[in-house]
């Protein structure tokens, strides 16, 4: 069995964070057709991602963390979420 460790930093667009310009977000801007509750949102939102993983034989586990910039001005902290991936590899041939 072969054991390997890897560290990955996912920064799309040649080491530039994933930037988005948001014109309308119904969750932050409220109803589209009538007046409703809303917040002062930021038009530009950026995502970053970094992760690490370990593989042993046909099994790989990886962890990824993705922080995101504030989506609206009253937001207390940046939002961050992560994932755990477990992969089993088989050869079909």
C-alpha atoms as a PDB file:
ATOM      1  CA  UNK A   1       0.000   0.000   0.000  1.00  0.00           C
ATOM      2  CA  UNK A   2       1.166   3.474  -0.826  1.00  0.00           C
ATOM      3  CA  UNK A   3       0.649   6.299   1.681  1.00  0.00           C
ATOM      4  CA  UNK A   4       0.691   9.913   0.522  1.00  0.00           C
ATOM      5  CA  UNK A   5      -0.166  13.306   1.952  1.00  0.00           C
ATOM      6  CA  UNK A   6      -1.116  16.378  -0.052  1.00  0.00           C
ATOM      7  CA  UNK A   7      -1.908  20.006   0.661  1.00  0.00           C
ATOM      8  CA  UNK A   8      -3.990  21.982  -1.816  1.00  0.00           C
ATOM      9  CA  UNK A   9      -4.879  25.636  -2.083  1.00  0.00           C
ATOM     10  CA  UNK A  10      -7.736  26.237  -4.500  1.00  0.00           C
ATOM     11  CA  UNK A  11      -7.527  29.778  -5.826  1.00  0.00           C
ATOM     12  CA  UNK A  12      -9.189  29.976  -9.241  1.00  0.00           C
ATOM     13  CA  UNK A  13      -8.145  32.387 -11.988  1.00  0.00           C
ATOM     14  CA  UNK A  14      -4.388  32.140 -11.512  1.00  0.00           C
ATOM     15  CA  UNK A  15      -4.165  32.686  -7.752  1.00  0.00           C
ATOM     16  CA  UNK A  16      -7.013  35.214  -7.642  1.00  0.00           C
ATOM     17  CA  UNK A  17      -9.993  34.618  -5.318  1.00  0.00           C
ATOM     18  CA  UNK A  18     -13.366  33.763  -6.822  1.00  0.00           C
ATOM     19  CA  UNK A  19     -15.087  37.165  -7.076  1.00  0.00           C
ATOM     20  CA  UNK A  20     -18.765  37.704  -7.886  1.00  0.00           C
ATOM     21  CA  UNK A  21     -20.796  40.828  -8.580  1.00  0.00           C
ATOM     22  CA  UNK A  22     -24.315  40.309  -7.191  1.00  0.00           C
ATOM     23  CA  UNK A  23     -27.038  42.408  -8.814  1.00  0.00           C
ATOM     24  CA  UNK A  24     -29.977  40.967  -6.845  1.00  0.00           C
ATOM     25  CA  UNK A  25     -30.168  38.443  -4.038  1.00  0.00           C
ATOM     26  CA  UNK A  26     -33.748  37.731  -3.038  1.00  0.00           C
ATOM     27  CA  UNK A  27     -32.624  36.544   0.403  1.00  0.00           C
ATOM     28  CA  UNK A  28     -30.903  39.863   1.149  1.00  0.00           C
ATOM     29  CA  UNK A  29     -32.912  42.287  -1.040  1.00  0.00           C
ATOM     30  CA  UNK A  30     -36.351  40.946  -0.211  1.00  0.00           C
ATOM     31  CA  UNK A  31     -39.296  40.438  -2.539  1.00  0.00           C
ATOM     32  CA  UNK A  32     -38.780  41.391  -6.182  1.00  0.00           C
ATOM     33  CA  UNK A  33     -42.274  42.778  -6.861  1.00  0.00           C
ATOM     34  CA  UNK A  34     -43.397  44.310  -3.565  1.00  0.00           C
ATOM     35  CA  UNK A  35     -41.766  46.184  -0.697  1.00  0.00           C
ATOM     36  CA  UNK A  36     -40.398  43.839   2.006  1.00  0.00           C
ATOM     37  CA  UNK A  37     -37.611  43.506   4.573  1.00  0.00           C
ATOM     38  CA  UNK A  38     -34.065  43.878   3.236  1.00  0.00           C
ATOM     39  CA  UNK A  39     -30.476  44.674   4.281  1.00  0.00           C
ATOM     40  CA  UNK A  40     -27.707  46.855   2.813  1.00  0.00           C
ATOM     41  CA  UNK A  41     -25.789  44.263   0.845  1.00  0.00           C
ATOM     42  CA  UNK A  42     -22.312  44.352  -0.654  1.00  0.00           C
ATOM     43  CA  UNK A  43     -22.310  43.957  -4.433  1.00  0.00           C
ATOM     44  CA  UNK A  44     -18.881  42.250  -4.529  1.00  0.00           C
ATOM     45  CA  UNK A  45     -18.460  38.907  -2.755  1.00  0.00           C
ATOM     46  CA  UNK A  46     -15.272  36.803  -2.764  1.00  0.00           C
ATOM     47  CA  UNK A  47     -14.661  33.134  -1.934  1.00  0.00           C
ATOM     48  CA  UNK A  48     -11.355  31.519  -1.019  1.00  0.00           C
ATOM     49  CA  UNK A  49     -10.648  27.818  -0.612  1.00  0.00           C
ATOM     50  CA  UNK A  50      -7.897  25.717   0.914  1.00  0.00           C
ATOM     51  CA  UNK A  51      -7.706  22.073   1.806  1.00  0.00           C
ATOM     52  CA  UNK A  52      -5.593  19.092   2.632  1.00  0.00           C
ATOM     53  CA  UNK A  53      -5.899  15.387   2.140  1.00  0.00           C
ATOM     54  CA  UNK A  54      -4.404  12.001   2.866  1.00  0.00           C
ATOM     55  CA  UNK A  55      -4.503   8.929   0.672  1.00  0.00           C
ATOM     56  CA  UNK A  56      -3.671   5.342   1.548  1.00  0.00           C
ATOM     57  CA  UNK A  57      -4.011   2.734  -1.150  1.00  0.00           C
ATOM     58  CA  UNK A  58      -7.451   3.138  -2.739  1.00  0.00           C
ATOM     59  CA  UNK A  59      -8.859   5.406   0.000  1.00  0.00           C
ATOM     60  CA  UNK A  60      -8.549   9.198   0.100  1.00  0.00           C
ATOM     61  CA  UNK A  61      -9.943  11.681   2.612  1.00  0.00           C
ATOM     62  CA  UNK A  62      -9.776  15.424   2.097  1.00  0.00           C
ATOM     63  CA  UNK A  63     -10.843  18.466   4.086  1.00  0.00           C
ATOM     64  CA  UNK A  64     -11.688  21.811   2.486  1.00  0.00           C
ATOM     65  CA  UNK A  65     -12.433  25.157   4.134  1.00  0.00           C
ATOM     66  CA  UNK A  66     -14.052  28.048   2.227  1.00  0.00           C
ATOM     67  CA  UNK A  67     -14.235  31.502   3.832  1.00  0.00           C
ATOM     68  CA  UNK A  68     -16.446  34.106   2.132  1.00  0.00           C
ATOM     69  CA  UNK A  69     -16.368  37.874   2.504  1.00  0.00           C
ATOM     70  CA  UNK A  70     -19.300  39.668   4.123  1.00  0.00           C
ATOM     71  CA  UNK A  71     -22.440  39.648   1.981  1.00  0.00           C
ATOM     72  CA  UNK A  72     -24.146  42.576   3.712  1.00  0.00           C
ATOM     73  CA  UNK A  73     -22.949  45.531   5.753  1.00  0.00           C
ATOM     74  CA  UNK A  74     -24.637  44.579   9.052  1.00  0.00           C
ATOM     75  CA  UNK A  75     -23.175  41.050   8.983  1.00  0.00           C
ATOM     76  CA  UNK A  76     -21.118  40.489  12.149  1.00  0.00           C
ATOM     77  CA  UNK A  77     -18.458  38.122  10.728  1.00  0.00           C
ATOM     78  CA  UNK A  78     -17.415  36.582   7.446  1.00  0.00           C
ATOM     79  CA  UNK A  79     -19.213  33.363   6.551  1.00  0.00           C
ATOM     80  CA  UNK A  80     -17.134  30.202   6.348  1.00  0.00           C
ATOM     81  CA  UNK A  81     -18.022  26.624   5.514  1.00  0.00           C
ATOM     82  CA  UNK A  82     -16.138  23.407   4.941  1.00  0.00           C
ATOM     83  CA  UNK A  83     -16.432  19.919   3.570  1.00  0.00           C
ATOM     84  CA  UNK A  84     -15.056  16.448   4.196  1.00  0.00           C
ATOM     85  CA  UNK A  85     -14.704  14.095   1.238  1.00  0.00           C
ATOM     86  CA  UNK A  86     -14.112  10.355   1.500  1.00  0.00           C
ATOM     87  CA  UNK A  87     -13.194   8.687  -1.791  1.00  0.00           C
ATOM     88  CA  UNK A  88     -12.811   4.984  -2.599  1.00  0.00           C
ATOM     89  CA  UNK A  89     -11.041   4.242  -5.872  1.00  0.00           C
ATOM     90  CA  UNK A  90     -11.648   1.106  -7.932  1.00  0.00           C
ATOM     91  CA  UNK A  91     -10.227   0.064 -11.270  1.00  0.00           C
ATOM     92  CA  UNK A  92     -12.814  -0.955 -13.840  1.00  0.00           C
ATOM     93  CA  UNK A  93     -11.010  -2.500 -16.803  1.00  0.00           C
END
